[in-house]
Structure formats: structure tokens, C-alpha cells
Amino acid sequence: MFEAVTTSAWFGALSAFVFEWLARKTAMRNLFALGAAAASTASLMAAHFNPARLNPAIGNMMPVLHDIWLYIHVNVIIFSYCLILMAAFTSLLYLVWRMLGGGADYAAVGGAGSLMLDPAHGAGCRSAGEVFDGATMALMELAFILLWCGIFMGAIWADHSWGRPWGWDPKEVFALNTFIVFIVLIHVRAKARDKGLWTAALALAGCAVMLFNWIVINFVISGLHSYV
């Protein structure tokens, strides 16, 4: 668990470099670095202030964990979790902006569209609501893809290790629940009138489910994934 938490901080730094390069000519520049800093700081503080739970000592791995699909699966999932944390941060910024009197603005072209179209349309013409919502969607779109890939790769590893791709283990169930929240987000965004508000609320809900899966399932509810 210590390695997972610290790795998420490294992925936050990597995400900041990549997204900031993509957003360098848009109104979203510096926002991804801020979100990555918040997510990475939270991860490193958790590792530093809770050594009893997040033991940094290096020990022997169980034989079942020596599988190439496990290494890929875990890192892809951790990367998606880092992006979800960053999206929760930009969602909070959007909600604060709305509470301070901002209008119901949202990024009409989504996250990837905002990164591609902003340089052509002029970064300075967008409202703060559009910028925050666009950043949230850019992060959520990639997190959604990585989470799906991570679950799929985890099923391959489970089939190799346990003889079945899916067994409704608590960790599997809440990984699926997190994925379902973001499926709901995609459909709600397509139909809801206040797209920005619904997107921010569901991004935070997805982050809450993800944290429950990452923390409570690991330390409180035992299952096949209880290797901490």
C-alpha cells in the first residue's frame, strides 16, 4: 500500500507535465499542475503521517503477485486513481466558483475538445466555469479509459492467479462501482441542463467511491485483494 500511495504521487507529477504541455496555449494552463500538486501532496502526507498502516519496509511478495499482468493492472489503476483525485480538485474549484456567484457555464466541447480547440478560438474568451469544467472533463475522460483498461487487465490477472476473471470480491465490486459512477456521469452530462454542476457532483461522488475502495476495502473489509 505504501508503494501504491507514493506511486500515485509520481503519477501526479507525470500527469502535470503531460497535461500542462497539452494545455500550454489554453486557459487551462497551470490548472493541471495545481491539481496534480494537491493530489500528490495528499498522497505523500498520507504516507508520511500514517507509517503504521502504510509500512515503507520492503518485504517478500507472495508468489501469486509475481505476474506481469498484475504489474500492468496495478499501475494503470493507480494512474486512473490519481487522475480522479485531480478531477475532484478541479470539481471543487468549479463548485466554489458557482457558490461565489458564477453562472452555469460548462465546456461545451468536453475535455479533449477544450485542449484542442482553445488555441484556435482564443484562450482568453472562456469563463472560469468553462475552464474548470473543461479541466475536469479532460481528466475524467482519461481516467475513465484507464479505469476500464485497469479492470480488464485485472480480470486477466485474476484468471491467471485464481482461475476466474471475476468473483465479486469487495475490491472488484467497488472498482466496478467507481466505473459505473463515471458511466452515469457521461450519460447525465449528455442529458442534464446544468451540465457543469452535475459533472462536478458526480466527479466528487466517483472520487469518494474510489477512496472507499482504496482505503476502507484495503484496511477494514477483507478479501482476496487484502495484501496490505
Protein backbone atom coordinates (compact mmCIF):
# COMPACT_ATOMS: atom_id res chain seq x y z
CA MET A 1 0.00 0.00 0.00
CA PHE A 2 2.91 2.35 0.72
CA GLU A 3 4.21 1.78 -2.80
CA ALA A 4 0.76 2.40 -4.29
CA VAL A 5 0.31 5.71 -2.46
CA THR A 6 3.77 7.04 -3.30
CA THR A 7 3.43 5.86 -6.90
CA SER A 8 0.23 7.88 -7.22
CA ALA A 9 2.26 10.96 -6.26
CA TRP A 10 4.78 10.19 -9.02
CA PHE A 11 1.93 9.73 -11.48
CA GLY A 12 0.60 13.12 -10.38
CA ALA A 13 3.90 14.73 -11.34
CA LEU A 14 3.90 12.91 -14.69
CA SER A 15 0.30 13.96 -15.35
CA ALA A 16 1.18 17.58 -14.61
CA PHE A 17 3.97 17.60 -17.20
CA VAL A 18 1.83 15.95 -19.89
CA PHE A 19 -1.36 17.95 -19.35
CA GLU A 20 0.47 21.24 -18.93
CA TRP A 21 2.24 20.67 -22.23
CA LEU A 22 -1.09 19.92 -23.93
CA ALA A 23 -2.75 22.92 -22.26
CA ARG A 24 0.15 25.35 -22.65
CA LYS A 25 -1.81 27.56 -25.10
CA THR A 26 -5.19 27.26 -23.39
CA ALA A 27 -6.93 28.93 -20.47
CA MET A 28 -6.44 25.69 -18.52
CA ARG A 29 -2.67 26.14 -18.28
CA ASN A 30 -1.34 25.88 -14.69
CA LEU A 31 -4.63 24.31 -13.54
CA PHE A 32 -3.46 20.74 -14.10
CA ALA A 33 -0.21 21.41 -12.26
CA LEU A 34 -2.22 22.78 -9.33
CA GLY A 35 -4.50 19.73 -9.30
CA ALA A 36 -1.52 17.37 -9.52
CA ALA A 37 0.20 19.19 -6.67
CA ALA A 38 -2.90 18.83 -4.49
CA ALA A 39 -3.32 15.12 -5.28
CA SER A 40 0.39 14.33 -4.85
CA THR A 41 0.60 16.28 -1.59
CA ALA A 42 -2.37 14.38 -0.18
CA SER A 43 -0.76 11.06 -1.15
CA LEU A 44 2.64 11.90 0.33
CA MET A 45 1.10 13.26 3.54
CA ALA A 46 -0.87 10.03 3.94
CA ALA A 47 2.32 8.00 3.52
CA HIS A 48 4.29 10.23 5.91
CA PHE A 49 1.78 10.59 8.73
CA ASN A 50 0.44 7.04 8.79
CA PRO A 51 3.51 4.76 8.84
CA ALA A 52 1.73 2.18 10.98
CA ARG A 53 -0.72 1.46 8.17
CA LEU A 54 1.46 2.38 5.19
CA ASN A 55 4.58 0.45 6.11
CA PRO A 56 7.56 1.52 3.96
CA ALA A 57 9.56 -1.61 4.82
CA ILE A 58 10.35 -3.82 1.84
CA GLY A 59 9.27 -7.43 2.30
CA ASN A 60 8.90 -10.58 0.23
CA MET A 61 5.99 -10.71 -2.20
CA MET A 62 3.54 -13.59 -2.29
CA PRO A 63 4.04 -15.91 -5.30
CA VAL A 64 0.60 -15.04 -6.67
CA LEU A 65 1.76 -11.43 -7.08
CA HIS A 66 4.61 -12.31 -9.46
CA ASP A 67 2.71 -11.80 -12.70
CA ILE A 68 3.32 -9.29 -15.48
CA TRP A 69 -0.42 -8.61 -15.77
CA LEU A 70 -0.52 -7.64 -12.10
CA TYR A 71 2.24 -5.05 -12.56
CA ILE A 72 0.42 -3.52 -15.53
CA HIS A 73 -3.01 -3.73 -13.88
CA VAL A 74 -1.93 -2.08 -10.62
CA ASN A 75 -0.05 0.79 -12.26
CA VAL A 76 -2.87 1.56 -14.68
CA ILE A 77 -5.41 1.56 -11.83
CA ILE A 78 -3.19 3.82 -9.68
CA PHE A 79 -2.78 6.22 -12.60
CA SER A 80 -6.56 6.39 -13.03
CA TYR A 81 -7.00 6.98 -9.28
CA CYS A 82 -4.52 9.87 -9.42
CA LEU A 83 -6.47 11.46 -12.29
CA ILE A 84 -9.71 11.00 -10.36
CA LEU A 85 -8.18 12.85 -7.39
CA MET A 86 -7.07 15.67 -9.69
CA ALA A 87 -10.55 15.84 -11.23
CA ALA A 88 -12.07 16.07 -7.75
CA PHE A 89 -9.86 19.10 -7.09
CA THR A 90 -10.94 20.91 -10.27
CA SER A 91 -14.55 19.96 -9.49
CA LEU A 92 -14.23 21.61 -6.09
CA LEU A 93 -12.89 24.74 -7.78
CA TYR A 94 -15.92 24.73 -10.09
CA LEU A 95 -18.35 24.36 -7.17
CA VAL A 96 -16.64 27.17 -5.23
CA TRP A 97 -16.88 29.36 -8.33
CA ARG A 98 -20.61 28.59 -8.56
CA MET A 99 -21.11 29.36 -4.86
CA LEU A 100 -19.42 32.73 -5.37
CA GLY A 101 -21.98 33.68 -7.98
CA GLY A 102 -20.63 32.13 -11.17
CA GLY A 103 -23.10 31.17 -13.86
CA ALA A 104 -23.99 27.70 -15.12
CA ASP A 105 -21.14 27.68 -17.63
CA TYR A 106 -19.58 24.46 -18.86
CA ALA A 107 -17.16 23.27 -21.53
CA ALA A 108 -19.48 22.56 -24.44
CA VAL A 109 -16.81 20.62 -26.35
CA GLY A 110 -15.75 18.46 -23.39
CA GLY A 111 -12.25 18.00 -22.04
CA ALA A 112 -10.31 16.75 -25.06
CA GLY A 113 -12.14 19.27 -27.23
CA SER A 114 -11.16 22.09 -24.90
CA LEU A 115 -7.49 21.12 -25.16
CA MET A 116 -7.65 21.02 -28.96
CA LEU A 117 -9.94 23.96 -29.73
CA ASP A 118 -8.85 26.56 -27.17
CA PRO A 119 -5.71 27.65 -29.06
CA ALA A 120 -7.77 28.22 -32.20
CA HIS A 121 -10.64 30.04 -30.53
CA GLY A 122 -8.62 32.11 -28.09
CA ALA A 123 -7.95 31.06 -24.53
CA GLY A 124 -8.88 34.40 -23.01
CA CYS A 125 -12.54 34.34 -24.06
CA ARG A 126 -13.60 31.50 -21.74
CA SER A 127 -15.19 31.94 -18.33
CA ALA A 128 -13.75 30.37 -15.19
CA GLY A 129 -16.62 27.88 -15.16
CA GLU A 130 -15.78 26.67 -18.65
CA VAL A 131 -12.10 26.37 -17.71
CA PHE A 132 -12.73 24.37 -14.52
CA ASP A 133 -15.31 22.14 -16.21
CA GLY A 134 -13.05 21.59 -19.22
CA ALA A 135 -10.16 20.56 -16.98
CA THR A 136 -12.41 18.21 -15.02
CA MET A 137 -13.66 16.58 -18.21
CA ALA A 138 -10.15 16.23 -19.66
CA LEU A 139 -9.03 14.41 -16.52
CA MET A 140 -12.20 12.32 -16.26
CA GLU A 141 -12.10 11.22 -19.89
CA LEU A 142 -8.60 9.79 -19.50
CA ALA A 143 -9.36 8.37 -16.04
CA PHE A 144 -12.45 6.60 -17.44
CA ILE A 145 -10.38 4.92 -20.17
CA LEU A 146 -7.57 3.93 -17.80
CA LEU A 147 -10.00 2.60 -15.19
CA TRP A 148 -11.70 0.40 -17.79
CA CYS A 149 -8.32 -0.87 -19.03
CA GLY A 150 -7.16 -1.48 -15.45
CA ILE A 151 -10.27 -3.51 -14.59
CA PHE A 152 -9.92 -5.53 -17.79
CA MET A 153 -6.23 -6.25 -17.11
CA GLY A 154 -7.11 -7.16 -13.53
CA ALA A 155 -9.58 -9.72 -14.87
CA ILE A 156 -6.79 -11.28 -16.96
CA TRP A 157 -4.53 -11.46 -13.90
CA ALA A 158 -7.35 -12.92 -11.77
CA ASP A 159 -7.92 -15.60 -14.39
CA HIS A 160 -4.21 -16.47 -14.30
CA SER A 161 -3.99 -16.45 -10.49
CA TRP A 162 -7.38 -17.62 -9.22
CA GLY A 163 -8.83 -19.42 -12.22
CA ARG A 164 -11.65 -16.94 -12.82
CA PRO A 165 -11.70 -13.42 -14.30
CA TRP A 166 -14.36 -12.07 -11.92
CA GLY A 167 -15.53 -13.22 -8.50
CA TRP A 168 -17.39 -10.30 -6.87
CA ASP A 169 -14.58 -9.75 -4.38
CA PRO A 170 -15.16 -6.48 -2.43
CA LYS A 171 -12.28 -4.78 -4.27
CA GLU A 172 -13.69 -5.82 -7.63
CA VAL A 173 -17.19 -4.70 -6.69
CA PHE A 174 -16.13 -1.20 -5.67
CA ALA A 175 -13.82 -0.83 -8.67
CA LEU A 176 -16.90 -1.60 -10.77
CA ASN A 177 -18.96 0.85 -8.69
CA THR A 178 -16.41 3.60 -9.39
CA PHE A 179 -16.58 2.81 -13.11
CA ILE A 180 -20.40 2.87 -13.01
CA VAL A 181 -20.39 6.34 -11.43
CA PHE A 182 -18.41 7.65 -14.39
CA ILE A 183 -20.68 5.87 -16.87
CA VAL A 184 -23.57 7.69 -15.18
CA LEU A 185 -21.58 10.95 -15.45
CA ILE A 186 -21.22 10.53 -19.21
CA HIS A 187 -24.94 9.89 -19.72
CA VAL A 188 -26.07 12.60 -17.29
CA ARG A 189 -23.81 15.14 -18.98
CA ALA A 190 -25.43 14.33 -22.31
CA LYS A 191 -28.95 14.93 -20.95
CA ALA A 192 -28.77 17.29 -17.95
CA ARG A 193 -29.41 21.01 -18.31
CA ASP A 194 -26.88 22.11 -15.70
CA LYS A 195 -24.07 20.01 -17.12
CA GLY A 196 -21.26 21.66 -15.18
CA LEU A 197 -22.92 21.19 -11.78
CA TRP A 198 -23.82 17.55 -12.41
CA THR A 199 -20.35 16.82 -13.73
CA ALA A 200 -18.68 18.31 -10.66
CA ALA A 201 -21.03 16.50 -8.26
CA LEU A 202 -20.58 13.11 -9.93
CA ALA A 203 -16.80 13.58 -10.21
CA LEU A 204 -16.70 14.09 -6.43
CA ALA A 205 -19.02 11.11 -5.88
CA GLY A 206 -16.76 8.95 -8.03
CA CYS A 207 -13.74 10.12 -6.06
CA ALA A 208 -15.50 9.23 -2.79
CA VAL A 209 -16.27 5.70 -4.05
CA MET A 210 -12.69 5.34 -5.27
CA LEU A 211 -11.27 6.41 -1.89
CA PHE A 212 -13.62 4.00 -0.12
CA ASN A 213 -12.32 1.22 -2.35
CA TRP A 214 -8.70 2.23 -1.87
CA ILE A 215 -8.80 2.80 1.92
CA VAL A 216 -11.74 1.04 3.59
CA ILE A 217 -11.69 -2.09 1.43
CA ASN A 218 -7.92 -2.46 1.96
CA PHE A 219 -7.86 -1.92 5.72
CA VAL A 220 -11.32 -2.86 7.01
CA ILE A 221 -13.03 -5.34 4.69
CA SER A 222 -11.02 -8.48 3.98
CA GLY A 223 -10.98 -10.21 0.62
CA LEU A 224 -8.73 -11.80 -1.98
CA HIS A 225 -7.13 -8.40 -2.61
CA SER A 226 -6.10 -7.93 1.05
CA TYR A 227 -2.34 -7.89 0.50
CA VAL A 228 -1.64 -4.74 2.59
